Amino acid sequence: MLTGSDLLAKVKEMGDVSKSDLVRACGYVSSKKDGAERLNFTAFYEALLDAKGLNLGSGGGGGAGKGGRKLSYVATVQGNGNLLVGKAYTALLGLKPGDEFEIKLGRKQIKLIPAGGEEE
């Protein structure tokens, strides 16, 4: 089974062929009990995403969410004026519903300090 840059090169080389032929050519084939061929599409696509730098597996990536995206550490003010901090960030910090924060405003910055805690 091809992986990494070898896999990307083979996909590019194969061009416009059927998905079955592509999976077969890259080596993602196994045998069923009756000897018939089984194409492993899932393993192929996971390897392809990994080769392109997207990791969907557990333990990887920069976030605590389930997706393959890494945290950007950038938040955008929404149209209604709200500033949302996503679940991946709160999970990374071990925050739970009901946790309270003191809001400190500075020059073009906002600091969230756990209620009863000290500023670092």
PDB file of N, CA and C in Angstrom:
ATOM      1  N   MET A   1       0.845  -1.185   0.000  1.00  0.00           N
ATOM      2  CA  MET A   1       0.000   0.000   0.000  1.00  0.00           C
ATOM      3  C   MET A   1       0.882   1.236   0.000  1.00  0.00           C
ATOM      4  N   LEU A   2       0.618   2.124  -0.921  1.00  0.00           N
ATOM      5  CA  LEU A   2       1.388   3.359  -1.015  1.00  0.00           C
ATOM      6  C   LEU A   2       0.918   4.355   0.046  1.00  0.00           C
ATOM      7  N   THR A   3       1.837   5.151   0.537  1.00  0.00           N
ATOM      8  CA  THR A   3       1.520   6.197   1.504  1.00  0.00           C
ATOM      9  C   THR A   3       2.343   7.439   1.187  1.00  0.00           C
ATOM     10  N   GLY A   4       1.983   8.537   1.822  1.00  0.00           N
ATOM     11  CA  GLY A   4       2.753   9.779   1.724  1.00  0.00           C
ATOM     12  C   GLY A   4       2.912  10.284   0.298  1.00  0.00           C
ATOM     13  N   SER A   5       4.120  10.767   0.004  1.00  0.00           N
ATOM     14  CA  SER A   5       4.376  11.368  -1.307  1.00  0.00           C
ATOM     15  C   SER A   5       4.271  10.343  -2.432  1.00  0.00           C
ATOM     16  N   ASP A   6       4.575   9.062  -2.151  1.00  0.00           N
ATOM     17  CA  ASP A   6       4.423   8.013  -3.169  1.00  0.00           C
ATOM     18  C   ASP A   6       2.954   7.877  -3.572  1.00  0.00           C
ATOM     19  N   LEU A   7       2.067   7.934  -2.592  1.00  0.00           N
ATOM     20  CA  LEU A   7       0.633   7.831  -2.861  1.00  0.00           C
ATOM     21  C   LEU A   7       0.156   9.031  -3.683  1.00  0.00           C
ATOM     22  N   LEU A   8       0.566  10.227  -3.289  1.00  0.00           N
ATOM     23  CA  LEU A   8       0.169  11.431  -4.026  1.00  0.00           C
ATOM     24  C   LEU A   8       0.669  11.391  -5.465  1.00  0.00           C
ATOM     25  N   ALA A   9       1.905  10.931  -5.651  1.00  0.00           N
ATOM     26  CA  ALA A   9       2.467  10.845  -6.998  1.00  0.00           C
ATOM     27  C   ALA A   9       1.694   9.844  -7.857  1.00  0.00           C
ATOM     28  N   LYS A  10       1.337   8.707  -7.286  1.00  0.00           N
ATOM     29  CA  LYS A  10       0.591   7.684  -8.030  1.00  0.00           C
ATOM     30  C   LYS A  10      -0.791   8.189  -8.423  1.00  0.00           C
ATOM     31  N   VAL A  11      -1.466   8.872  -7.506  1.00  0.00           N
ATOM     32  CA  VAL A  11      -2.793   9.421  -7.794  1.00  0.00           C
ATOM     33  C   VAL A  11      -2.702  10.425  -8.939  1.00  0.00           C
ATOM     34  N   LYS A  12      -1.679  11.268  -8.892  1.00  0.00           N
ATOM     35  CA  LYS A  12      -1.499  12.264  -9.950  1.00  0.00           C
ATOM     36  C   LYS A  12      -1.168  11.582 -11.277  1.00  0.00           C
ATOM     37  N   GLU A  13      -0.325  10.562 -11.219  1.00  0.00           N
ATOM     38  CA  GLU A  13       0.078   9.822 -12.410  1.00  0.00           C
ATOM     39  C   GLU A  13      -1.114   9.114 -13.067  1.00  0.00           C
ATOM     40  N   MET A  14      -2.001   8.551 -12.256  1.00  0.00           N
ATOM     41  CA  MET A  14      -3.130   7.786 -12.772  1.00  0.00           C
ATOM     42  C   MET A  14      -4.144   8.681 -13.496  1.00  0.00           C
ATOM     43  N   GLY A  15      -4.236   9.929 -13.087  1.00  0.00           N
ATOM     44  CA  GLY A  15      -5.134  10.859 -13.760  1.00  0.00           C
ATOM     45  C   GLY A  15      -6.597  10.506 -13.570  1.00  0.00           C
ATOM     46  N   ASP A  16      -7.340  10.551 -14.652  1.00  0.00           N
ATOM     47  CA  ASP A  16      -8.794  10.385 -14.625  1.00  0.00           C
ATOM     48  C   ASP A  16      -9.187   8.928 -14.852  1.00  0.00           C
ATOM     49  N   VAL A  17      -9.046   8.108 -13.808  1.00  0.00           N
ATOM     50  CA  VAL A  17      -9.455   6.702 -13.868  1.00  0.00           C
ATOM     51  C   VAL A  17     -10.544   6.477 -12.826  1.00  0.00           C
ATOM     52  N   SER A  18     -11.167   5.330 -12.861  1.00  0.00           N
ATOM     53  CA  SER A  18     -12.211   5.043 -11.877  1.00  0.00           C
ATOM     54  C   SER A  18     -11.604   4.944 -10.485  1.00  0.00           C
ATOM     55  N   LYS A  19     -12.422   5.201  -9.501  1.00  0.00           N
ATOM     56  CA  LYS A  19     -11.954   5.134  -8.114  1.00  0.00           C
ATOM     57  C   LYS A  19     -11.497   3.726  -7.764  1.00  0.00           C
ATOM     58  N   SER A  20     -12.179   2.735  -8.278  1.00  0.00           N
ATOM     59  CA  SER A  20     -11.797   1.344  -8.023  1.00  0.00           C
ATOM     60  C   SER A  20     -10.402   1.049  -8.572  1.00  0.00           C
ATOM     61  N   ASP A  21     -10.156   1.487  -9.807  1.00  0.00           N
ATOM     62  CA  ASP A  21      -8.843   1.268 -10.409  1.00  0.00           C
ATOM     63  C   ASP A  21      -7.753   1.999  -9.636  1.00  0.00           C
ATOM     64  N   LEU A  22      -8.067   3.183  -9.163  1.00  0.00           N
ATOM     65  CA  LEU A  22      -7.109   3.979  -8.400  1.00  0.00           C
ATOM     66  C   LEU A  22      -6.759   3.293  -7.076  1.00  0.00           C
ATOM     67  N   VAL A  23      -7.775   2.844  -6.357  1.00  0.00           N
ATOM     68  CA  VAL A  23      -7.559   2.161  -5.071  1.00  0.00           C
ATOM     69  C   VAL A  23      -6.746   0.889  -5.293  1.00  0.00           C
ATOM     70  N   ARG A  24      -7.087   0.149  -6.339  1.00  0.00           N
ATOM     71  CA  ARG A  24      -6.384  -1.098  -6.675  1.00  0.00           C
ATOM     72  C   ARG A  24      -4.919  -0.818  -7.020  1.00  0.00           C
ATOM     73  N   ALA A  25      -4.661   0.194  -7.856  1.00  0.00           N
ATOM     74  CA  ALA A  25      -3.305   0.521  -8.296  1.00  0.00           C
ATOM     75  C   ALA A  25      -2.414   0.989  -7.144  1.00  0.00           C
ATOM     76  N   CYS A  26      -3.022   1.579  -6.131  1.00  0.00           N
ATOM     77  CA  CYS A  26      -2.252   2.068  -4.982  1.00  0.00           C
ATOM     78  C   CYS A  26      -2.050   0.984  -3.924  1.00  0.00           C
ATOM     79  N   GLY A  27      -2.625  -0.200  -4.162  1.00  0.00           N
ATOM     80  CA  GLY A  27      -2.367  -1.335  -3.290  1.00  0.00           C
ATOM     81  C   GLY A  27      -3.332  -1.517  -2.140  1.00  0.00           C
ATOM     82  N   TYR A  28      -4.445  -0.855  -2.147  1.00  0.00           N
ATOM     83  CA  TYR A  28      -5.409  -0.962  -1.043  1.00  0.00           C
ATOM     84  C   TYR A  28      -6.436  -2.059  -1.368  1.00  0.00           C
ATOM     85  N   VAL A  29      -5.912  -3.289  -1.447  1.00  0.00           N
ATOM     86  CA  VAL A  29      -6.703  -4.454  -1.819  1.00  0.00           C
ATOM     87  C   VAL A  29      -6.415  -5.573  -0.830  1.00  0.00           C
ATOM     88  N   SER A  30      -7.452  -6.299  -0.453  1.00  0.00           N
ATOM     89  CA  SER A  30      -7.281  -7.491   0.373  1.00  0.00           C
ATOM     90  C   SER A  30      -8.171  -8.586  -0.202  1.00  0.00           C
ATOM     91  N   SER A  31      -8.061  -9.781   0.350  1.00  0.00           N
ATOM     92  CA  SER A  31      -8.850 -10.911  -0.144  1.00  0.00           C
ATOM     93  C   SER A  31      -9.910 -11.290   0.865  1.00  0.00           C
ATOM     94  N   LYS A  32     -11.099 -11.581   0.342  1.00  0.00           N
ATOM     95  CA  LYS A  32     -12.181 -12.083   1.186  1.00  0.00           C
ATOM     96  C   LYS A  32     -11.943 -13.564   1.444  1.00  0.00           C
ATOM     97  N   LYS A  33     -12.732 -14.149   2.329  1.00  0.00           N
ATOM     98  CA  LYS A  33     -12.605 -15.573   2.641  1.00  0.00           C
ATOM     99  C   LYS A  33     -12.791 -16.447   1.403  1.00  0.00           C
ATOM    100  N   ASP A  34     -13.670 -16.016   0.520  1.00  0.00           N
ATOM    101  CA  ASP A  34     -13.920 -16.815  -0.681  1.00  0.00           C
ATOM    102  C   ASP A  34     -12.907 -16.532  -1.793  1.00  0.00           C
ATOM    103  N   GLY A  35     -11.897 -15.731  -1.504  1.00  0.00           N
ATOM    104  CA  GLY A  35     -10.843 -15.441  -2.467  1.00  0.00           C
ATOM    105  C   GLY A  35     -11.117 -14.232  -3.341  1.00  0.00           C
ATOM    106  N   ALA A  36     -12.290 -13.659  -3.215  1.00  0.00           N
ATOM    107  CA  ALA A  36     -12.624 -12.474  -4.013  1.00  0.00           C
ATOM    108  C   ALA A  36     -11.846 -11.259  -3.520  1.00  0.00           C
ATOM    109  N   GLU A  37     -11.689 -10.329  -4.412  1.00  0.00           N
ATOM    110  CA  GLU A  37     -10.953  -9.096  -4.109  1.00  0.00           C
ATOM    111  C   GLU A  37     -11.831  -8.124  -3.320  1.00  0.00           C
ATOM    112  N   ARG A  38     -11.226  -7.479  -2.318  1.00  0.00           N
ATOM    113  CA  ARG A  38     -11.930  -6.459  -1.540  1.00  0.00           C
ATOM    114  C   ARG A  38     -11.118  -5.188  -1.613  1.00  0.00           C
ATOM    115  N   LEU A  39     -11.731  -4.105  -2.097  1.00  0.00           N
ATOM    116  CA  LEU A  39     -11.052  -2.815  -2.182  1.00  0.00           C
ATOM    117  C   LEU A  39     -11.270  -2.050  -0.882  1.00  0.00           C
ATOM    118  N   ASN A  40     -10.184  -1.583  -0.290  1.00  0.00           N
ATOM    119  CA  ASN A  40     -10.240  -0.886   0.994  1.00  0.00           C
ATOM    120  C   ASN A  40     -10.267   0.628   0.768  1.00  0.00           C
ATOM    121  N   PHE A  41     -11.451   1.123   0.398  1.00  0.00           N
ATOM    122  CA  PHE A  41     -11.611   2.544   0.104  1.00  0.00           C
ATOM    123  C   PHE A  41     -11.321   3.423   1.320  1.00  0.00           C
ATOM    124  N   THR A  42     -11.801   3.010   2.483  1.00  0.00           N
ATOM    125  CA  THR A  42     -11.615   3.818   3.684  1.00  0.00           C
ATOM    126  C   THR A  42     -10.136   3.999   4.002  1.00  0.00           C
ATOM    127  N   ALA A  43      -9.384   2.911   3.983  1.00  0.00           N
ATOM    128  CA  ALA A  43      -7.947   2.998   4.262  1.00  0.00           C
ATOM    129  C   ALA A  43      -7.246   3.862   3.222  1.00  0.00           C
ATOM    130  N   PHE A  44      -7.679   3.743   1.964  1.00  0.00           N
ATOM    131  CA  PHE A  44      -7.102   4.546   0.893  1.00  0.00           C
ATOM    132  C   PHE A  44      -7.330   6.040   1.137  1.00  0.00           C
ATOM    133  N   TYR A  45      -8.583   6.399   1.423  1.00  0.00           N
ATOM    134  CA  TYR A  45      -8.893   7.820   1.621  1.00  0.00           C
ATOM    135  C   TYR A  45      -8.248   8.378   2.889  1.00  0.00           C
ATOM    136  N   GLU A  46      -8.147   7.572   3.933  1.00  0.00           N
ATOM    137  CA  GLU A  46      -7.461   8.029   5.144  1.00  0.00           C
ATOM    138  C   GLU A  46      -5.988   8.278   4.851  1.00  0.00           C
ATOM    139  N   ALA A  47      -5.355   7.378   4.097  1.00  0.00           N
ATOM    140  CA  ALA A  47      -3.947   7.560   3.728  1.00  0.00           C
ATOM    141  C   ALA A  47      -3.771   8.780   2.834  1.00  0.00           C
ATOM    142  N   LEU A  48      -4.726   9.002   1.934  1.00  0.00           N
ATOM    143  CA  LEU A  48      -4.663  10.151   1.042  1.00  0.00           C
ATOM    144  C   LEU A  48      -4.779  11.457   1.822  1.00  0.00           C
ATOM    145  N   LEU A  49      -5.717  11.514   2.762  1.00  0.00           N
ATOM    146  CA  LEU A  49      -5.855  12.711   3.595  1.00  0.00           C
ATOM    147  C   LEU A  49      -4.609  12.939   4.445  1.00  0.00           C
ATOM    148  N   ASP A  50      -4.075  11.868   4.986  1.00  0.00           N
ATOM    149  CA  ASP A  50      -2.860  11.971   5.796  1.00  0.00           C
ATOM    150  C   ASP A  50      -1.695  12.487   4.944  1.00  0.00           C
ATOM    151  N   ALA A  51      -1.597  11.992   3.715  1.00  0.00           N
ATOM    152  CA  ALA A  51      -0.529  12.429   2.814  1.00  0.00           C
ATOM    153  C   ALA A  51      -0.663  13.905   2.471  1.00  0.00           C
ATOM    154  N   LYS A  52      -1.898  14.401   2.481  1.00  0.00           N
ATOM    155  CA  LYS A  52      -2.138  15.814   2.185  1.00  0.00           C
ATOM    156  C   LYS A  52      -2.046  16.685   3.437  1.00  0.00           C
ATOM    157  N   GLY A  53      -1.734  16.067   4.584  1.00  0.00           N
ATOM    158  CA  GLY A  53      -1.542  16.835   5.811  1.00  0.00           C
ATOM    159  C   GLY A  53      -2.764  16.971   6.684  1.00  0.00           C
ATOM    160  N   LEU A  54      -3.830  16.244   6.389  1.00  0.00           N
ATOM    161  CA  LEU A  54      -5.031  16.287   7.216  1.00  0.00           C
ATOM    162  C   LEU A  54      -5.104  15.008   8.022  1.00  0.00           C
ATOM    163  N   ASN A  55      -5.065  15.141   9.344  1.00  0.00           N
ATOM    164  CA  ASN A  55      -5.090  13.962  10.200  1.00  0.00           C
ATOM    165  C   ASN A  55      -6.449  13.842  10.859  1.00  0.00           C
ATOM    166  N   LEU A  56      -7.169  12.775  10.555  1.00  0.00           N
ATOM    167  CA  LEU A  56      -8.490  12.563  11.143  1.00  0.00           C
ATOM    168  C   LEU A  56      -8.453  11.581  12.298  1.00  0.00           C
ATOM    169  N   GLY A  57      -7.310  11.004  12.571  1.00  0.00           N
ATOM    170  CA  GLY A  57      -7.204  10.003  13.628  1.00  0.00           C
ATOM    171  C   GLY A  57      -7.225  10.618  15.003  1.00  0.00           C
ATOM    172  N   SER A  58      -7.421   9.797  16.023  1.00  0.00           N
ATOM    173  CA  SER A  58      -7.426  10.292  17.397  1.00  0.00           C
ATOM    174  C   SER A  58      -6.002  10.560  17.849  1.00  0.00           C
ATOM    175  N   GLY A  59      -5.866  11.512  18.743  1.00  0.00           N
ATOM    176  CA  GLY A  59      -4.560  11.837  19.294  1.00  0.00           C
ATOM    177  C   GLY A  59      -3.772  12.806  18.441  1.00  0.00           C
ATOM    178  N   GLY A  60      -4.193  13.045  17.221  1.00  0.00           N
ATOM    179  CA  GLY A  60      -3.470  13.949  16.351  1.00  0.00           C
ATOM    180  C   GLY A  60      -4.129  15.308  16.331  1.00  0.00           C
ATOM    181  N   GLY A  61      -3.535  16.203  15.589  1.00  0.00           N
ATOM    182  CA  GLY A  61      -4.138  17.527  15.426  1.00  0.00           C
ATOM    183  C   GLY A  61      -3.915  18.403  16.638  1.00  0.00           C
ATOM    184  N   GLY A  62      -4.275  19.651  16.511  1.00  0.00           N
ATOM    185  CA  GLY A  62      -4.028  20.587  17.595  1.00  0.00           C
ATOM    186  C   GLY A  62      -5.228  20.812  18.475  1.00  0.00           C
ATOM    187  N   GLY A  63      -6.374  20.274  18.126  1.00  0.00           N
ATOM    188  CA  GLY A  63      -7.569  20.583  18.880  1.00  0.00           C
ATOM    189  C   GLY A  63      -8.095  19.415  19.671  1.00  0.00           C
ATOM    190  N   ALA A  64      -9.076  19.727  20.524  1.00  0.00           N
ATOM    191  CA  ALA A  64      -9.705  18.687  21.316  1.00  0.00           C
ATOM    192  C   ALA A  64     -10.966  18.193  20.640  1.00  0.00           C
ATOM    193  N   GLY A  65     -11.335  18.790  19.518  1.00  0.00           N
ATOM    194  CA  GLY A  65     -12.514  18.366  18.789  1.00  0.00           C
ATOM    195  C   GLY A  65     -12.254  17.089  18.020  1.00  0.00           C
ATOM    196  N   LYS A  66     -13.268  16.630  17.298  1.00  0.00           N
ATOM    197  CA  LYS A  66     -13.132  15.373  16.578  1.00  0.00           C
ATOM    198  C   LYS A  66     -12.692  15.566  15.136  1.00  0.00           C
ATOM    199  N   GLY A  67     -12.744  16.785  14.625  1.00  0.00           N
ATOM    200  CA  GLY A  67     -12.417  17.028  13.232  1.00  0.00           C
ATOM    201  C   GLY A  67     -10.923  16.974  12.975  1.00  0.00           C
ATOM    202  N   GLY A  68     -10.544  17.105  11.728  1.00  0.00           N
ATOM    203  CA  GLY A  68      -9.154  17.058  11.339  1.00  0.00           C
ATOM    204  C   GLY A  68      -8.487  18.416  11.320  1.00  0.00           C
ATOM    205  N   ARG A  69      -9.247  19.452  11.544  1.00  0.00           N
ATOM    206  CA  ARG A  69      -8.662  20.787  11.511  1.00  0.00           C
ATOM    207  C   ARG A  69      -7.883  21.066  12.780  1.00  0.00           C
ATOM    208  N   LYS A  70      -6.880  21.895  12.634  1.00  0.00           N
ATOM    209  CA  LYS A  70      -6.102  22.328  13.792  1.00  0.00           C
ATOM    210  C   LYS A  70      -6.653  23.663  14.266  1.00  0.00           C
ATOM    211  N   LEU A  71      -6.503  23.926  15.552  1.00  0.00           N
ATOM    212  CA  LEU A  71      -6.981  25.188  16.103  1.00  0.00           C
ATOM    213  C   LEU A  71      -6.184  26.345  15.519  1.00  0.00           C
ATOM    214  N   SER A  72      -6.879  27.403  15.152  1.00  0.00           N
ATOM    215  CA  SER A  72      -6.208  28.557  14.557  1.00  0.00           C
ATOM    216  C   SER A  72      -5.814  29.591  15.603  1.00  0.00           C
ATOM    217  N   TYR A  73      -6.413  29.505  16.792  1.00  0.00           N
ATOM    218  CA  TYR A  73      -6.202  30.476  17.862  1.00  0.00           C
ATOM    219  C   TYR A  73      -6.549  31.889  17.409  1.00  0.00           C
ATOM    220  N   VAL A  74      -7.562  31.976  16.541  1.00  0.00           N
ATOM    221  CA  VAL A  74      -8.092  33.247  16.078  1.00  0.00           C
ATOM    222  C   VAL A  74      -9.607  33.173  16.223  1.00  0.00           C
ATOM    223  N   ALA A  75     -10.198  34.212  16.795  1.00  0.00           N
ATOM    224  CA  ALA A  75     -11.656  34.287  16.924  1.00  0.00           C
ATOM    225  C   ALA A  75     -12.132  35.507  16.144  1.00  0.00           C
ATOM    226  N   THR A  76     -13.327  35.422  15.589  1.00  0.00           N
ATOM    227  CA  THR A  76     -13.887  36.505  14.792  1.00  0.00           C
ATOM    228  C   THR A  76     -15.173  36.990  15.439  1.00  0.00           C
ATOM    229  N   VAL A  77     -15.327  38.296  15.520  1.00  0.00           N
ATOM    230  CA  VAL A  77     -16.553  38.870  16.060  1.00  0.00           C
ATOM    231  C   VAL A  77     -17.671  38.584  15.059  1.00  0.00           C
ATOM    232  N   GLN A  78     -18.778  38.034  15.563  1.00  0.00           N
ATOM    233  CA  GLN A  78     -19.907  37.683  14.714  1.00  0.00           C
ATOM    234  C   GLN A  78     -20.721  38.921  14.365  1.00  0.00           C
ATOM    235  N   GLY A  79     -21.634  38.771  13.408  1.00  0.00           N
ATOM    236  CA  GLY A  79     -22.449  39.885  12.946  1.00  0.00           C
ATOM    237  C   GLY A  79     -23.273  40.527  14.046  1.00  0.00           C
ATOM    238  N   ASN A  80     -23.643  39.749  15.070  1.00  0.00           N
ATOM    239  CA  ASN A  80     -24.441  40.305  16.160  1.00  0.00           C
ATOM    240  C   ASN A  80     -23.568  40.892  17.276  1.00  0.00           C
ATOM    241  N   GLY A  81     -22.251  40.924  17.070  1.00  0.00           N
ATOM    242  CA  GLY A  81     -21.342  41.510  18.054  1.00  0.00           C
ATOM    243  C   GLY A  81     -20.775  40.511  19.056  1.00  0.00           C
ATOM    244  N   ASN A  82     -21.244  39.283  19.018  1.00  0.00           N
ATOM    245  CA  ASN A  82     -20.730  38.277  19.948  1.00  0.00           C
ATOM    246  C   ASN A  82     -19.361  37.768  19.513  1.00  0.00           C
ATOM    247  N   LEU A  83     -18.575  37.395  20.503  1.00  0.00           N
ATOM    248  CA  LEU A  83     -17.271  36.790  20.263  1.00  0.00           C
ATOM    249  C   LEU A  83     -17.346  35.382  20.842  1.00  0.00           C
ATOM    250  N   LEU A  84     -17.238  34.379  19.982  1.00  0.00           N
ATOM    251  CA  LEU A  84     -17.432  33.006  20.398  1.00  0.00           C
ATOM    252  C   LEU A  84     -16.095  32.297  20.583  1.00  0.00           C
ATOM    253  N   VAL A  85     -15.963  31.618  21.729  1.00  0.00           N
ATOM    254  CA  VAL A  85     -14.812  30.758  21.968  1.00  0.00           C
ATOM    255  C   VAL A  85     -15.348  29.339  21.853  1.00  0.00           C
ATOM    256  N   GLY A  86     -14.846  28.574  20.905  1.00  0.00           N
ATOM    257  CA  GLY A  86     -15.407  27.267  20.592  1.00  0.00           C
ATOM    258  C   GLY A  86     -15.129  26.179  21.614  1.00  0.00           C
ATOM    259  N   LYS A  87     -15.842  25.078  21.444  1.00  0.00           N
ATOM    260  CA  LYS A  87     -15.761  23.926  22.334  1.00  0.00           C
ATOM    261  C   LYS A  87     -14.351  23.336  22.394  1.00  0.00           C
ATOM    262  N   ALA A  88     -13.652  23.324  21.273  1.00  0.00           N
ATOM    263  CA  ALA A  88     -12.308  22.751  21.252  1.00  0.00           C
ATOM    264  C   ALA A  88     -11.379  23.487  22.226  1.00  0.00           C
ATOM    265  N   TYR A  89     -11.544  24.814  22.309  1.00  0.00           N
ATOM    266  CA  TYR A  89     -10.701  25.605  23.207  1.00  0.00           C
ATOM    267  C   TYR A  89     -11.070  25.363  24.664  1.00  0.00           C
ATOM    268  N   THR A  90     -12.373  25.322  24.951  1.00  0.00           N
ATOM    269  CA  THR A  90     -12.784  25.115  26.343  1.00  0.00           C
ATOM    270  C   THR A  90     -12.418  23.702  26.802  1.00  0.00           C
ATOM    271  N   ALA A  91     -12.515  22.734  25.897  1.00  0.00           N
ATOM    272  CA  ALA A  91     -12.126  21.362  26.248  1.00  0.00           C
ATOM    273  C   ALA A  91     -10.632  21.280  26.493  1.00  0.00           C
ATOM    274  N   LEU A  92      -9.849  22.000  25.702  1.00  0.00           N
ATOM    275  CA  LEU A  92      -8.392  22.012  25.860  1.00  0.00           C
ATOM    276  C   LEU A  92      -7.999  22.513  27.245  1.00  0.00           C
ATOM    277  N   LEU A  93      -8.787  23.457  27.781  1.00  0.00           N
ATOM    278  CA  LEU A  93      -8.517  24.033  29.099  1.00  0.00           C
ATOM    279  C   LEU A  93      -9.242  23.296  30.225  1.00  0.00           C
ATOM    280  N   GLY A  94     -10.030  22.304  29.870  1.00  0.00           N
ATOM    281  CA  GLY A  94     -10.751  21.542  30.891  1.00  0.00           C
ATOM    282  C   GLY A  94     -11.888  22.320  31.534  1.00  0.00           C
ATOM    283  N   LEU A  95     -12.483  23.257  30.804  1.00  0.00           N
ATOM    284  CA  LEU A  95     -13.566  24.066  31.342  1.00  0.00           C
ATOM    285  C   LEU A  95     -14.880  23.302  31.275  1.00  0.00           C
ATOM    286  N   LYS A  96     -15.748  23.593  32.245  1.00  0.00           N
ATOM    287  CA  LYS A  96     -17.047  22.921  32.317  1.00  0.00           C
ATOM    288  C   LYS A  96     -18.155  23.960  32.298  1.00  0.00           C
ATOM    289  N   PRO A  97     -19.365  23.542  31.887  1.00  0.00           N
ATOM    290  CA  PRO A  97     -20.489  24.485  31.934  1.00  0.00           C
ATOM    291  C   PRO A  97     -20.650  25.049  33.349  1.00  0.00           C
ATOM    292  N   GLY A  98     -20.839  26.343  33.423  1.00  0.00           N
ATOM    293  CA  GLY A  98     -20.992  26.993  34.723  1.00  0.00           C
ATOM    294  C   GLY A  98     -19.711  27.649  35.233  1.00  0.00           C
ATOM    295  N   ASP A  99     -18.558  27.308  34.661  1.00  0.00           N
ATOM    296  CA  ASP A  99     -17.310  27.965  35.069  1.00  0.00           C
ATOM    297  C   ASP A  99     -17.440  29.458  34.778  1.00  0.00           C
ATOM    298  N   GLU A 100     -16.991  30.281  35.735  1.00  0.00           N
ATOM    299  CA  GLU A 100     -17.126  31.730  35.588  1.00  0.00           C
ATOM    300  C   GLU A 100     -15.772  32.395  35.437  1.00  0.00           C
ATOM    301  N   PHE A 101     -15.792  33.515  34.696  1.00  0.00           N
ATOM    302  CA  PHE A 101     -14.574  34.261  34.432  1.00  0.00           C
ATOM    303  C   PHE A 101     -14.804  35.738  34.678  1.00  0.00           C
ATOM    304  N   GLU A 102     -13.753  36.399  35.122  1.00  0.00           N
ATOM    305  CA  GLU A 102     -13.755  37.861  35.220  1.00  0.00           C
ATOM    306  C   GLU A 102     -13.184  38.366  33.906  1.00  0.00           C
ATOM    307  N   ILE A 103     -13.834  39.376  33.334  1.00  0.00           N
ATOM    308  CA  ILE A 103     -13.396  39.928  32.057  1.00  0.00           C
ATOM    309  C   ILE A 103     -12.573  41.176  32.327  1.00  0.00           C
ATOM    310  N   LYS A 104     -11.339  41.179  31.878  1.00  0.00           N
ATOM    311  CA  LYS A 104     -10.449  42.340  32.000  1.00  0.00           C
ATOM    312  C   LYS A 104     -10.224  42.906  30.614  1.00  0.00           C
ATOM    313  N   LEU A 105     -10.564  44.186  30.448  1.00  0.00           N
ATOM    314  CA  LEU A 105     -10.364  44.834  29.159  1.00  0.00           C
ATOM    315  C   LEU A 105      -9.084  45.636  29.174  1.00  0.00           C
ATOM    316  N   GLY A 106      -8.300  45.466  28.157  1.00  0.00           N
ATOM    317  CA  GLY A 106      -7.064  46.228  27.992  1.00  0.00           C
ATOM    318  C   GLY A 106      -7.117  46.944  26.662  1.00  0.00           C
ATOM    319  N   ARG A 107      -6.006  47.442  26.232  1.00  0.00           N
ATOM    320  CA  ARG A 107      -5.943  48.119  24.940  1.00  0.00           C
ATOM    321  C   ARG A 107      -6.017  47.094  23.829  1.00  0.00           C
ATOM    322  N   LYS A 108      -7.144  47.024  23.149  1.00  0.00           N
ATOM    323  CA  LYS A 108      -7.350  46.083  22.049  1.00  0.00           C
ATOM    324  C   LYS A 108      -7.120  44.627  22.464  1.00  0.00           C
ATOM    325  N   GLN A 109      -7.444  44.315  23.715  1.00  0.00           N
ATOM    326  CA  GLN A 109      -7.326  42.927  24.172  1.00  0.00           C
ATOM    327  C   GLN A 109      -8.357  42.635  25.245  1.00  0.00           C
ATOM    328  N   ILE A 110      -8.695  41.380  25.360  1.00  0.00           N
ATOM    329  CA  ILE A 110      -9.622  40.911  26.378  1.00  0.00           C
ATOM    330  C   ILE A 110      -8.938  39.763  27.105  1.00  0.00           C
ATOM    331  N   LYS A 111      -8.932  39.815  28.424  1.00  0.00           N
ATOM    332  CA  LYS A 111      -8.391  38.720  29.223  1.00  0.00           C
ATOM    333  C   LYS A 111      -9.525  38.085  30.006  1.00  0.00           C
ATOM    334  N   LEU A 112      -9.577  36.778  29.999  1.00  0.00           N
ATOM    335  CA  LEU A 112     -10.538  36.033  30.790  1.00  0.00           C
ATOM    336  C   LEU A 112      -9.789  35.397  31.939  1.00  0.00           C
ATOM    337  N   ILE A 113     -10.162  35.762  33.159  1.00  0.00           N
ATOM    338  CA  ILE A 113      -9.492  35.246  34.348  1.00  0.00           C
ATOM    339  C   ILE A 113     -10.516  34.444  35.146  1.00  0.00           C
ATOM    340  N   PRO A 114     -10.208  33.181  35.467  1.00  0.00           N
ATOM    341  CA  PRO A 114     -11.157  32.396  36.244  1.00  0.00           C
ATOM    342  C   PRO A 114     -11.590  33.148  37.489  1.00  0.00           C
ATOM    343  N   ALA A 115     -12.897  33.165  37.770  1.00  0.00           N
ATOM    344  CA  ALA A 115     -13.413  33.860  38.944  1.00  0.00           C
ATOM    345  C   ALA A 115     -12.748  33.297  40.187  1.00  0.00           C
ATOM    346  N   GLY A 116     -12.239  34.155  41.030  1.00  0.00           N
ATOM    347  CA  GLY A 116     -11.544  33.738  42.243  1.00  0.00           C
ATOM    348  C   GLY A 116     -10.089  33.394  42.016  1.00  0.00           C
ATOM    349  N   GLY A 117      -9.644  33.406  40.759  1.00  0.00           N
ATOM    350  CA  GLY A 117      -8.244  33.085  40.446  1.00  0.00           C
ATOM    351  C   GLY A 117      -7.403  34.339  40.362  1.00  0.00           C
ATOM    352  N   GLU A 118      -6.139  34.133  40.151  1.00  0.00           N
ATOM    353  CA  GLU A 118      -5.219  35.268  40.007  1.00  0.00           C
ATOM    354  C   GLU A 118      -4.763  35.375  38.570  1.00  0.00           C
ATOM    355  N   GLU A 119      -4.509  36.604  38.140  1.00  0.00           N
ATOM    356  CA  GLU A 119      -4.030  36.839  36.776  1.00  0.00           C
ATOM    357  C   GLU A 119      -2.586  36.368  36.675  1.00  0.00           C
ATOM    358  N   GLU A 120      -2.280  35.680  35.571  1.00  0.00           N
ATOM    359  CA  GLU A 120      -0.908  35.189  35.381  1.00  0.00           C
ATOM    360  C   GLU A 120      -0.060  36.240  34.721  1.00  0.00           C
TER     361      GLU A 120
END
